[in-house]
Protein backbone atom coordinates (compact mmCIF):
# COMPACT_ATOMS: atom_id res chain seq x y z
CA UNK A 1 3.92 31.39 -94.18
CA UNK A 2 4.00 34.57 -92.34
CA UNK A 3 0.71 36.74 -92.21
CA UNK A 4 2.85 39.62 -93.83
CA UNK A 5 2.71 37.57 -97.03
CA UNK A 6 0.23 37.73 -100.06
CA UNK A 7 -1.18 34.28 -100.90
CA UNK A 8 -3.84 33.57 -103.41
CA UNK A 9 -5.25 29.84 -103.79
CA UNK A 10 -7.87 29.24 -106.41
CA UNK A 11 -8.90 26.64 -108.63
CA UNK A 12 -10.47 26.54 -112.18
CA UNK A 13 -12.27 23.93 -114.25
CA UNK A 14 -10.34 24.85 -117.41
CA UNK A 15 -7.82 21.96 -118.44
CA UNK A 16 -4.15 22.24 -117.29
CA UNK A 17 -2.79 22.75 -120.64
CA UNK A 18 -4.85 25.97 -121.37
CA UNK A 19 -4.26 27.33 -117.91
CA UNK A 20 -0.46 26.68 -118.01
CA UNK A 21 -0.02 28.42 -121.50
CA UNK A 22 -2.10 31.38 -120.45
CA UNK A 23 -0.09 31.62 -117.31
CA UNK A 24 3.15 31.42 -119.08
CA UNK A 25 2.14 34.23 -121.43
CA UNK A 26 0.76 36.39 -118.49
CA UNK A 27 4.18 36.00 -116.41
CA UNK A 28 6.26 37.17 -119.32
CA UNK A 29 3.92 40.06 -119.64
CA UNK A 30 4.20 40.84 -116.01
CA UNK A 31 7.80 40.67 -116.04
CA UNK A 32 8.25 42.72 -118.98
CA UNK A 33 5.59 45.24 -118.15
CA UNK A 34 4.91 45.77 -114.25
CA UNK A 35 8.58 44.54 -113.28
CA UNK A 36 10.58 46.11 -116.13
CA UNK A 37 12.56 43.17 -116.96
CA UNK A 38 13.91 42.55 -120.17
CA UNK A 39 11.90 38.98 -120.79
CA UNK A 40 10.68 37.57 -124.13
CA UNK A 41 10.38 33.97 -123.26
CA UNK A 42 11.09 31.73 -120.53
CA UNK A 43 12.89 28.25 -120.45
CA UNK A 44 12.86 25.74 -117.85
CA UNK A 45 15.65 25.93 -115.39
CA UNK A 46 17.11 29.10 -113.85
CA UNK A 47 16.91 32.44 -115.79
CA UNK A 48 18.83 35.19 -114.91
CA UNK A 49 16.82 37.97 -116.11
CA UNK A 50 18.70 41.07 -114.27
CA UNK A 51 21.31 41.53 -111.73
CA UNK A 52 20.29 40.03 -108.43
CA UNK A 53 17.26 38.90 -110.06
CA UNK A 54 16.51 35.06 -110.90
CA UNK A 55 13.60 33.37 -112.29
CA UNK A 56 13.38 29.43 -111.88
CA UNK A 57 10.79 27.64 -113.97
CA UNK A 58 10.25 23.78 -113.84
CA UNK A 59 7.46 21.77 -115.05
CA UNK A 60 6.67 17.99 -114.94
CA UNK A 61 3.87 15.56 -116.01
CA UNK A 62 2.93 12.03 -115.16
CA UNK A 63 0.38 9.72 -114.02
CA UNK A 64 0.14 11.51 -110.64
CA UNK A 65 -0.68 14.80 -112.35
CA UNK A 66 1.22 17.79 -113.73
CA UNK A 67 2.55 21.20 -112.72
CA UNK A 68 4.28 24.24 -113.87
CA UNK A 69 6.25 26.47 -111.29
CA UNK A 70 7.57 29.82 -111.47
CA UNK A 71 9.65 31.39 -108.76
CA UNK A 72 11.17 34.81 -109.08
CA UNK A 73 13.85 36.08 -106.50
CA UNK A 74 14.70 39.49 -106.30
CA UNK A 75 17.56 40.23 -104.01
CA UNK A 76 19.29 43.78 -104.49
CA UNK A 77 22.17 44.22 -102.13
CA UNK A 78 20.40 47.10 -99.87
CA UNK A 79 17.32 45.06 -99.34
CA UNK A 80 18.66 43.18 -96.58
CA UNK A 81 16.59 40.27 -97.85
CA UNK A 82 14.78 38.71 -100.78
CA UNK A 83 11.41 39.22 -102.34
CA UNK A 84 10.24 36.00 -103.41
CA UNK A 85 7.15 35.41 -105.92
CA UNK A 86 5.86 31.82 -106.21
CA UNK A 87 3.39 30.72 -108.93
CA UNK A 88 2.33 27.18 -109.33
CA UNK A 89 -0.26 25.76 -111.54
CA UNK A 90 -1.12 22.27 -110.63
CA UNK A 91 -3.44 19.45 -111.72
CA UNK A 92 -3.94 16.20 -109.74
CA UNK A 93 -4.88 12.77 -111.15
CA UNK A 94 -7.03 11.96 -108.17
CA UNK A 95 -8.97 15.15 -109.26
CA UNK A 96 -8.47 15.80 -112.80
CA UNK A 97 -11.53 18.17 -113.45
CA UNK A 98 -9.71 20.97 -111.28
CA UNK A 99 -6.61 22.86 -111.99
CA UNK A 100 -5.25 24.84 -108.95
CA UNK A 101 -3.35 28.10 -108.95
CA UNK A 102 -1.31 29.42 -106.18
CA UNK A 103 0.45 32.65 -105.97
CA UNK A 104 2.41 33.89 -103.02
CA UNK A 105 4.64 36.94 -102.64
CA UNK A 106 6.63 37.32 -99.41
CA UNK A 107 9.66 39.10 -98.30
CA UNK A 108 12.43 36.85 -96.86
CA UNK A 109 14.81 38.80 -94.41
CA UNK A 110 18.53 38.11 -94.38
CA UNK A 111 18.32 37.59 -90.47
CA UNK A 112 15.61 36.77 -88.02
CA UNK A 113 16.10 40.01 -86.29
CA UNK A 114 14.88 41.90 -89.39
CA UNK A 115 11.03 42.22 -89.59
CA UNK A 116 9.14 41.23 -92.68
CA UNK A 117 7.81 43.63 -94.82
CA UNK A 118 4.28 43.08 -95.69
CA UNK A 119 3.54 42.11 -99.26
CA UNK A 120 1.06 44.01 -101.54
CA UNK A 121 -1.29 42.44 -104.02
CA UNK A 122 0.77 41.85 -107.06
CA UNK A 123 -0.54 43.12 -110.62
CA UNK A 124 -0.16 39.42 -111.74
CA UNK A 125 -2.87 38.49 -109.48
CA UNK A 126 -5.38 40.66 -111.30
CA UNK A 127 -4.23 39.36 -114.66
CA UNK A 128 -4.67 35.71 -113.65
CA UNK A 129 -8.38 36.48 -112.31
CA UNK A 130 -9.20 38.31 -115.50
CA UNK A 131 -7.92 35.56 -117.72
CA UNK A 132 -8.97 32.35 -116.12
CA UNK A 133 -12.34 31.34 -114.69
CA UNK A 134 -11.37 30.86 -111.18
CA UNK A 135 -13.48 30.03 -108.14
CA UNK A 136 -13.51 28.95 -104.37
CA UNK A 137 -16.26 26.24 -103.83
CA UNK A 138 -19.42 27.61 -105.61
CA UNK A 139 -18.27 31.31 -105.72
CA UNK A 140 -16.60 32.84 -108.73
CA UNK A 141 -13.28 34.92 -107.90
CA UNK A 142 -12.88 38.12 -110.00
CA UNK A 143 -10.37 40.88 -109.74
CA UNK A 144 -13.25 43.40 -109.12
CA UNK A 145 -16.25 43.42 -107.11
CA UNK A 146 -19.58 41.93 -108.58
CA UNK A 147 -23.04 43.56 -108.06
CA UNK A 148 -25.65 41.37 -106.43
CA UNK A 149 -29.00 42.13 -107.85
CA UNK A 150 -32.47 40.60 -106.44
CA UNK A 151 -32.14 37.49 -108.86
CA UNK A 152 -28.76 36.76 -107.43
CA UNK A 153 -29.53 36.51 -103.84
CA UNK A 154 -30.30 32.72 -103.79
CA UNK A 155 -27.22 32.03 -105.62
CA UNK A 156 -24.95 34.10 -103.16
CA UNK A 157 -26.67 32.66 -100.11
CA UNK A 158 -25.85 29.11 -101.30
CA UNK A 159 -22.21 30.28 -101.46
CA UNK A 160 -21.92 31.74 -98.20
CA UNK A 161 -23.31 28.37 -96.70
CA UNK A 162 -21.10 26.32 -99.19
CA UNK A 163 -19.03 23.90 -97.26
CA UNK A 164 -16.21 23.66 -99.90
CA UNK A 165 -15.57 27.63 -99.72
CA UNK A 166 -11.97 28.55 -98.57
CA UNK A 167 -12.15 32.19 -98.89
CA UNK A 168 -14.04 34.73 -97.26
CA UNK A 169 -16.81 36.49 -99.11
CA UNK A 170 -16.96 40.27 -98.35
CA UNK A 171 -20.16 42.13 -99.12
CA UNK A 172 -20.27 45.89 -99.44
CA UNK A 173 -23.77 47.63 -99.05
CA UNK A 174 -24.88 50.86 -100.86
CA UNK A 175 -26.21 53.50 -98.89
CA UNK A 176 -29.48 54.96 -99.21
CA UNK A 177 -29.68 58.02 -102.16
CA UNK A 178 -26.20 56.95 -103.20
CA UNK A 179 -25.79 55.47 -106.79
CA UNK A 180 -24.41 51.79 -106.79
CA UNK A 181 -21.72 52.62 -109.58
CA UNK A 182 -20.58 55.80 -107.83
CA UNK A 183 -20.21 53.95 -104.49
CA UNK A 184 -18.01 51.17 -106.10
CA UNK A 185 -15.84 53.50 -108.05
CA UNK A 186 -15.39 56.09 -105.13
CA UNK A 187 -15.21 53.95 -101.94
CA UNK A 188 -15.65 50.14 -102.59
CA UNK A 189 -12.87 49.54 -105.07
CA UNK A 190 -10.38 51.24 -102.59
CA UNK A 191 -11.64 49.38 -99.58
CA UNK A 192 -11.35 46.29 -101.52
CA UNK A 193 -7.89 46.90 -103.36
CA UNK A 194 -5.79 44.37 -101.43
CA UNK A 195 -8.64 41.73 -100.91
CA UNK A 196 -8.25 40.82 -104.66
CA UNK A 197 -7.30 36.98 -104.78
CA UNK A 198 -7.89 36.84 -100.98
CA UNK A 199 -11.86 37.02 -100.85
CA UNK A 200 -14.77 36.75 -103.18
CA UNK A 201 -15.97 40.35 -103.61
CA UNK A 202 -19.58 41.48 -104.00
CA UNK A 203 -21.58 44.85 -103.64
CA UNK A 204 -25.07 44.64 -102.73
CA UNK A 205 -27.39 46.62 -104.42
CA UNK A 206 -30.35 48.46 -102.65
CA UNK A 207 -32.89 46.42 -104.52
CA UNK A 208 -31.31 43.24 -103.29
CA UNK A 209 -30.67 44.27 -99.80
CA UNK A 210 -34.18 43.41 -98.29
CA UNK A 211 -34.10 39.87 -99.65
CA UNK A 212 -30.55 39.25 -98.69
CA UNK A 213 -30.98 40.62 -94.94
CA UNK A 214 -34.23 38.71 -94.58
CA UNK A 215 -32.42 35.57 -95.51
CA UNK A 216 -29.47 36.43 -93.18
CA UNK A 217 -31.44 37.89 -90.34
CA UNK A 218 -28.56 37.42 -87.98
CA UNK A 219 -25.82 38.38 -90.48
CA UNK A 220 -27.21 41.45 -92.00
CA UNK A 221 -25.27 44.20 -93.97
CA UNK A 222 -26.72 47.81 -94.86
CA UNK A 223 -26.20 51.42 -94.86
CA UNK A 224 -22.95 51.60 -96.62
CA UNK A 225 -21.57 48.97 -94.22
CA UNK A 226 -19.16 46.18 -95.24
CA UNK A 227 -19.39 42.84 -93.87
CA UNK A 228 -16.77 40.16 -93.99
CA UNK A 229 -18.49 36.48 -94.18
CA UNK A 230 -15.89 33.85 -93.16
CA UNK A 231 -16.21 30.12 -94.29
CA UNK A 232 -18.69 28.11 -92.39
CA UNK A 233 -21.83 30.56 -92.32
CA UNK A 234 -24.81 29.24 -90.14
CA UNK A 235 -27.77 31.76 -91.05
CA UNK A 236 -30.07 30.09 -88.43
CA UNK A 237 -27.44 30.70 -85.45
CA UNK A 238 -27.80 34.27 -83.95
CA UNK A 239 -24.37 33.84 -82.22
CA UNK A 240 -22.69 32.83 -85.46
CA UNK A 241 -23.00 36.56 -86.56
CA UNK A 242 -20.20 37.47 -84.19
CA UNK A 243 -17.76 35.61 -86.39
CA UNK A 244 -18.33 37.74 -89.40
CA UNK A 245 -17.14 41.34 -88.42
CA UNK A 246 -18.91 44.52 -90.07
CA UNK A 247 -17.22 47.75 -90.93
CA UNK A 248 -19.43 50.72 -90.77
CA UNK A 249 -19.79 53.24 -93.46
CA UNK A 250 -18.26 56.20 -91.29
CA UNK A 251 -15.14 53.85 -90.78
CA UNK A 252 -14.77 53.16 -94.64
CA UNK A 253 -15.41 56.71 -95.72
CA UNK A 254 -13.17 58.37 -93.02
CA UNK A 255 -10.11 56.67 -94.50
CA UNK A 256 -10.54 54.21 -97.22
CA UNK A 257 -6.79 53.29 -97.19
CA UNK A 258 -7.05 52.34 -93.66
CA UNK A 259 -10.17 50.58 -94.14
CA UNK A 260 -8.53 48.50 -96.75
CA UNK A 261 -5.98 47.46 -94.41
CA UNK A 262 -8.31 46.63 -91.74
CA UNK A 263 -10.44 44.70 -94.13
CA UNK A 264 -7.50 42.61 -95.39
CA UNK A 265 -6.31 41.31 -91.99
CA UNK A 266 -8.70 38.68 -91.24
CA UNK A 267 -8.30 37.31 -94.91
CA UNK A 268 -4.60 37.71 -94.91
CA UNK A 269 -4.01 36.08 -91.47
CA UNK A 270 -6.58 33.18 -92.60
CA UNK A 271 -4.52 32.58 -95.82
CA UNK A 272 -1.40 32.19 -93.72
CA UNK A 273 -2.59 29.33 -91.51
CA UNK A 274 -4.98 27.55 -93.59
CA UNK A 275 -3.57 24.38 -94.99
CA UNK A 276 -2.99 24.18 -98.92
CA UNK A 277 -5.06 21.95 -100.85
CA UNK A 278 -3.37 18.36 -101.03
CA UNK A 279 -2.30 18.69 -104.68
CA UNK A 280 -0.35 21.71 -104.02
CA UNK A 281 0.95 20.87 -100.37
CA UNK A 282 2.43 17.58 -102.12
CA UNK A 283 4.42 19.64 -104.52
CA UNK A 284 6.04 21.99 -101.69
CA UNK A 285 8.42 19.32 -100.84
CA UNK A 286 10.12 19.56 -103.96
CA UNK A 287 12.52 22.59 -105.45
CA UNK A 288 12.99 23.84 -108.95
CA UNK A 289 16.16 22.27 -110.60
CA UNK A 290 17.75 22.97 -113.79
CA UNK A 291 17.23 20.34 -116.38
CA UNK A 292 20.20 17.86 -117.07
CA UNK A 293 21.74 18.11 -120.39
CA UNK A 294 24.70 16.00 -122.16
CA UNK A 295 25.77 18.94 -124.38
CA UNK A 296 28.16 21.72 -123.94
CA UNK A 297 31.27 22.04 -121.89
CA UNK A 298 31.56 19.52 -119.06
CA UNK A 299 33.41 21.83 -116.87
CA UNK A 300 31.05 24.77 -117.67
CA UNK A 301 28.09 22.60 -117.04
CA UNK A 302 29.47 21.30 -113.62
CA UNK A 303 30.41 25.06 -112.56
CA UNK A 304 26.88 25.99 -113.42
CA UNK A 305 25.38 23.00 -111.43
CA UNK A 306 27.73 23.89 -108.41
CA UNK A 307 26.62 27.64 -108.36
CA UNK A 308 22.94 26.33 -108.54
CA UNK A 309 23.47 24.19 -105.75
CA UNK A 310 25.15 26.84 -103.45
CA UNK A 311 21.92 29.17 -104.32
CA UNK A 312 19.67 26.34 -103.47
CA UNK A 313 21.41 25.75 -100.18
CA UNK A 314 21.32 29.64 -99.49
CA UNK A 315 17.53 29.59 -100.12
CA UNK A 316 17.03 26.11 -97.88
CA UNK A 317 18.50 27.99 -94.96
CA UNK A 318 16.24 30.99 -95.68
CA UNK A 319 13.25 28.55 -95.78
CA UNK A 320 14.32 26.80 -92.71
CA UNK A 321 14.68 30.35 -90.63
CA UNK A 322 11.05 31.09 -92.02
CA UNK A 323 9.69 27.83 -90.98
CA UNK A 324 11.18 28.21 -87.50
CA UNK A 325 9.59 31.57 -87.03
CA UNK A 326 6.27 30.10 -88.32
CA UNK A 327 6.36 27.29 -85.88
CA UNK A 328 7.08 29.84 -82.99
CA UNK A 329 4.24 32.15 -83.94
CA UNK A 330 2.05 28.81 -84.24
CA UNK A 331 2.95 27.84 -80.81
CA UNK A 332 1.84 31.44 -79.57
CA UNK A 333 -1.40 31.04 -81.74
CA UNK A 334 -2.02 27.83 -80.11
CA UNK A 335 -1.59 29.23 -76.58
CA UNK A 336 -3.73 31.92 -77.52
CA UNK A 337 -6.51 29.69 -78.71
CA UNK A 338 -6.39 27.37 -75.49
CA UNK A 339 -6.39 30.75 -73.46
CA UNK A 340 -9.44 31.85 -75.25
CA UNK A 341 -11.37 28.40 -75.35
CA UNK A 342 -10.81 28.32 -71.41
CA UNK A 343 -12.16 32.09 -71.15
CA UNK A 344 -15.11 31.56 -73.51
CA UNK A 345 -15.94 28.45 -71.59
CA UNK A 346 -15.95 30.25 -68.10
CA UNK A 347 -17.60 33.13 -69.42
CA UNK A 348 -20.50 31.02 -70.95
CA UNK A 349 -20.96 28.94 -67.94
CA UNK A 350 -21.05 32.10 -65.69
CA UNK A 351 -23.96 33.58 -68.23
CA UNK A 352 -25.88 30.46 -68.34
CA UNK A 353 -25.89 30.50 -64.47
CA UNK A 354 -27.00 34.20 -64.45
CA UNK A 355 -29.66 33.49 -66.95
CA UNK A 356 -31.18 30.50 -65.35
CA UNK A 357 -31.13 32.51 -61.88
CA UNK A 358 -32.94 35.23 -63.55
CA UNK A 359 -35.45 32.99 -65.34
CA UNK A 360 -36.45 31.37 -61.92
CA UNK A 361 -36.86 34.92 -60.37
CA UNK A 362 -39.04 35.75 -62.99
CA UNK A 363 -41.10 32.46 -62.69
CA UNK A 364 -41.34 32.94 -59.01
CA UNK A 365 -43.30 36.38 -59.60
CA UNK A 366 -45.36 34.74 -62.36
CA UNK A 367 -43.72 36.40 -65.24
CA UNK A 368 -43.40 33.12 -67.17
CA UNK A 369 -43.71 34.66 -70.70
CA UNK A 370 -40.93 37.11 -69.79
CA UNK A 371 -38.73 34.62 -68.47
CA UNK A 372 -38.46 32.81 -71.87
CA UNK A 373 -39.18 35.45 -74.37
CA UNK A 374 -36.47 35.92 -77.08
CA UNK A 375 -34.35 39.25 -76.54
CA UNK A 376 -34.14 41.81 -79.28
CA UNK A 377 -30.75 43.21 -80.09
CA UNK A 378 -30.36 46.90 -79.32
CA UNK A 379 -28.68 48.51 -81.97
CA UNK A 380 -27.13 50.98 -79.78
CA UNK A 381 -25.20 47.96 -78.21
CA UNK A 382 -23.88 46.61 -81.69
CA UNK A 383 -20.21 45.71 -81.37
CA UNK A 384 -17.60 47.49 -83.13
CA UNK A 385 -16.24 45.23 -86.31
CA UNK A 386 -12.58 46.39 -85.74
CA UNK A 387 -10.29 48.54 -83.53
CA UNK A 388 -10.60 51.21 -86.09
CA UNK A 389 -14.19 51.28 -85.70
CA UNK A 390 -14.05 51.18 -81.92
CA UNK A 391 -11.58 54.22 -82.10
CA UNK A 392 -14.22 56.14 -84.12
CA UNK A 393 -16.65 55.31 -81.49
CA UNK A 394 -15.01 56.41 -78.33
CA UNK A 395 -17.29 59.50 -78.26
CA UNK A 396 -19.90 57.27 -77.03
CA UNK A 397 -18.37 57.15 -73.58
CA UNK A 398 -18.63 60.78 -72.34
CA UNK A 399 -16.87 60.14 -68.77
CA UNK A 400 -13.89 58.39 -70.52
CA UNK A 401 -11.03 60.23 -72.28
CA UNK A 402 -8.66 58.34 -74.75
CA UNK A 403 -5.10 59.96 -74.34
CA UNK A 404 -3.33 57.30 -75.84
CA UNK A 405 -1.85 56.84 -79.35
CA UNK A 406 -4.34 56.30 -82.02
CA UNK A 407 -2.08 54.46 -84.26
CA UNK A 408 -0.93 51.85 -81.70
CA UNK A 409 -4.74 51.21 -80.91
CA UNK A 410 -5.95 50.79 -84.65
CA UNK A 411 -2.72 48.94 -85.48
CA UNK A 412 -4.02 45.93 -83.41
CA UNK A 413 -6.36 45.29 -86.61
CA UNK A 414 -3.17 43.81 -88.20
CA UNK A 415 -2.77 41.22 -85.71
CA UNK A 416 -6.17 40.96 -83.81
CA UNK A 417 -7.43 37.66 -82.62
CA UNK A 418 -11.10 36.54 -82.22
CA UNK A 419 -12.82 38.37 -79.32
CA UNK A 420 -10.24 40.88 -78.81
CA UNK A 421 -12.42 43.80 -80.08
CA UNK A 422 -15.38 42.56 -78.42
CA UNK A 423 -13.53 42.37 -75.08
CA UNK A 424 -12.17 45.77 -75.34
CA UNK A 425 -15.71 47.36 -76.12
CA UNK A 426 -17.03 45.49 -73.16
CA UNK A 427 -14.22 46.87 -70.96
CA UNK A 428 -15.08 50.35 -72.40
CA UNK A 429 -18.65 49.87 -71.37
CA UNK A 430 -18.02 48.76 -68.05
CA UNK A 431 -15.50 51.67 -67.42
CA UNK A 432 -17.96 54.23 -68.49
CA UNK A 433 -20.54 52.83 -66.07
CA UNK A 434 -18.07 52.77 -63.27
CA UNK A 435 -16.93 56.46 -63.97
CA UNK A 436 -20.14 57.85 -64.59
CA UNK A 437 -21.36 56.25 -60.90
CA UNK A 438 -18.03 57.55 -59.24
CA UNK A 439 -18.57 61.06 -60.48
CA UNK A 440 -22.20 60.88 -59.00
CA UNK A 441 -20.92 59.42 -55.75
CA UNK A 442 -22.39 56.10 -56.28
CA UNK A 443 -19.38 54.09 -56.39
CA UNK A 444 -17.41 52.60 -53.69
CA UNK A 445 -13.97 51.39 -54.01
CA UNK A 446 -11.80 50.86 -57.19
CA UNK A 447 -12.88 49.51 -60.56
CA UNK A 448 -11.85 45.86 -59.36
CA UNK A 449 -14.23 46.17 -56.64
CA UNK A 450 -16.94 47.42 -58.64
CA UNK A 451 -16.75 44.52 -61.07
CA UNK A 452 -16.86 42.10 -57.99
CA UNK A 453 -20.05 43.64 -56.78
CA UNK A 454 -21.70 44.90 -59.96
CA UNK A 455 -24.69 47.28 -59.35
CA UNK A 456 -27.97 46.18 -61.25
CA UNK A 457 -28.06 47.17 -64.79
CA UNK A 458 -24.53 47.89 -65.46
CA UNK A 459 -22.24 46.16 -67.86
CA UNK A 460 -20.15 43.36 -66.54
CA UNK A 461 -16.49 42.94 -66.85
CA UNK A 462 -14.58 39.77 -65.13
CA UNK A 463 -12.90 41.02 -62.14
CA UNK A 464 -10.18 38.54 -63.01
CA UNK A 465 -8.90 40.67 -65.99
CA UNK A 466 -8.60 43.59 -63.75
CA UNK A 467 -5.23 44.35 -62.12
CA UNK A 468 -5.06 47.64 -60.37
CA UNK A 469 -1.17 47.49 -59.78
CA UNK A 470 1.79 46.46 -61.35
CA UNK A 471 4.36 44.11 -59.54
CA UNK A 472 7.14 45.68 -57.64
CA UNK A 473 9.47 44.54 -60.23
CA UNK A 474 8.00 46.62 -63.01
CA UNK A 475 7.56 49.61 -60.58
CA UNK A 476 11.60 49.56 -59.58
CA UNK A 477 12.47 49.14 -63.31
CA UNK A 478 12.93 52.69 -64.77
CA UNK A 479 12.61 51.68 -68.38
CA UNK A 480 9.49 49.81 -67.76
CA UNK A 481 8.15 52.44 -65.39
CA UNK A 482 8.64 54.99 -68.21
CA UNK A 483 6.44 52.89 -70.68
CA UNK A 484 3.66 53.41 -68.10
CA UNK A 485 4.03 57.11 -67.81
CA UNK A 486 1.15 58.02 -70.11
CA UNK A 487 -0.52 61.34 -71.31
CA UNK A 488 -2.96 63.05 -69.39
CA UNK A 489 -4.18 66.68 -69.60
CA UNK A 490 -2.01 69.04 -67.64
CA UNK A 491 -5.07 69.88 -65.44
CA UNK A 492 -4.65 66.28 -63.96
CA UNK A 493 -0.83 66.61 -63.57
CA UNK A 494 1.05 69.55 -64.69
CA UNK A 495 3.96 67.38 -66.39
CA UNK A 496 1.21 66.17 -68.83
CA UNK A 497 1.45 62.40 -67.81
CA UNK A 498 0.83 60.19 -64.78
CA UNK A 499 2.04 56.48 -63.88
CA UNK A 500 -0.84 54.28 -65.22
CA UNK A 501 -0.33 50.81 -63.52
CA UNK A 502 -3.99 50.01 -63.46
CA UNK A 503 -4.78 47.69 -66.45
CA UNK A 504 -7.33 45.40 -67.94
CA UNK A 505 -6.46 42.14 -69.90
CA UNK A 506 -7.79 42.17 -73.36
CA UNK A 507 -6.27 39.36 -74.83
CA UNK A 508 -3.60 36.88 -73.91
CA UNK A 509 -1.52 33.79 -75.05
CA UNK A 510 -0.02 35.64 -77.87
CA UNK A 511 3.11 37.88 -78.26
CA UNK A 512 0.86 40.87 -78.28
CA UNK A 513 -1.53 40.11 -75.48
CA UNK A 514 -3.21 43.58 -75.65
CA UNK A 515 -3.82 45.66 -72.40
CA UNK A 516 -5.90 48.80 -71.61
CA UNK A 517 -4.24 51.00 -69.15
CA UNK A 518 -6.25 53.89 -67.35
CA UNK A 519 -6.14 56.25 -64.50
CA UNK A 520 -9.12 56.98 -62.43
CA UNK A 521 -9.28 60.85 -61.85
CA UNK A 522 -13.22 60.98 -61.45
CA UNK A 523 -12.68 62.46 -57.73
CA UNK A 524 -10.61 65.28 -59.39
CA UNK A 525 -11.51 66.42 -63.03
CA UNK A 526 -14.67 63.98 -63.25
CA UNK A 527 -12.90 61.87 -65.89
CA UNK A 528 -11.33 58.35 -66.25
CA UNK A 529 -8.21 58.68 -68.74
CA UNK A 530 -7.28 55.64 -71.05
CA UNK A 531 -3.48 56.23 -71.75
CA UNK A 532 -2.89 53.01 -73.69
CA UNK A 533 -4.99 50.26 -75.78
CA UNK A 534 -2.15 48.13 -77.45
CA UNK A 535 0.35 45.43 -77.13
CA UNK A 536 1.34 44.33 -73.60
CA UNK A 537 3.85 46.91 -72.14
CA UNK A 538 7.35 45.34 -71.24
CA UNK A 539 7.42 43.25 -68.11
CA UNK A 540 9.15 40.13 -66.85
CA UNK A 541 7.23 37.85 -69.33
CA UNK A 542 7.69 40.08 -72.52
CA UNK A 543 11.30 40.97 -72.06
């Protein structure tokens, strides 16, 4: 499934018959209410509920289990594709104590060249979560965030570390001096608006904050920040905290709508790649079909069957195109993961060698205690949790000036991969050190030379990720060269732009492969200008 889709997968301990009956009622209410279709009841088979709108419903039960499935397809002629909503209720004989619920909404373009439109959370998701007792592992899934009071902390910690949990847990903290209910209504509900069904949602009261952060000393959340806890939290491992991003209060309050989009990116990407539970996965190999009947006119029945089969063939072609696109994206993701694994291994090995060398030097001068003392994290060095937050903190680099497109920069949050934000922040720290030293006359050579021979106390950045020049092919291609003519103040160049060929590799292996392009004018205006942080600009590999 494409990451632009909405997917909710939860389960309940309520029996299948009750869940199916409740869901049938909710589907009819949703179609008649939110979708404004004239629906009173549904029957198995294909229901033509409006022009260019069909609803397929099928159900089955047997020794292996039971299911009911609804599939709504809306294909207006002007849409250049179809919107499909799929809802499945499924119980399996191998696990009779649970009933699974899957809700998917996705845009299926008529052609692979047409981009898929991102699906919003449907109102049907809220209705299902309000009516059914759903959960992911130990955690209950609700349509609105629940408050965590001091007596709830132990239970929430158990949910965070539960190995069966599939969904992220997103915890919003309450700022000092702000009423919790007011904070929920004014900020958190808006920030969590697209997370319903995709994550477990909590608001940590100030009374519970101390106990919560004591239990999660390496994964805290406070001061109005919001933290996303992915499955597999390890409270005792400091490095694990990097897997669970934090969004600051300033970012949330500055633009709650944008914050909602950023918070949704990680759960949305996970939902699109996480394998379905086996009971649901087994059902996806079959398609809804109209029930056979011996009554009625034989010719009319054959004609209806023929039309139904033609429609199913068209839908199968759509599904095949979607699967082909998904395979391509997964191949890119695999290449990206392999690239990251190699990079992590190299950086980890280099860091370990450096630590051992420094510890040896400290031991040689008799500072044994300092050599092995634990390092306290400097809050000023805290990494941003998203590119949106990174953008808001660019003011921390006085010698750097970002002149690029903020929308392109923050748009990386929608398709960000692990470590991209961290690498970009480390690049900015290293560039600031270099630029400040260059202005003071302490830097020799360009930024790559600086990274190769890093002065003591400065932030490192791998020299292998620094390219000071583009290839001759890029320079000679007028279209590609134009992409790299990036904005600067007119005091730097009267035209308002310069050719920025120097760039840093922020990520690799994917179709985005983000880059940071910069222009060093420390010898002139005393600033280093960053004209682009975003997807890889066109070259021989991207075209």
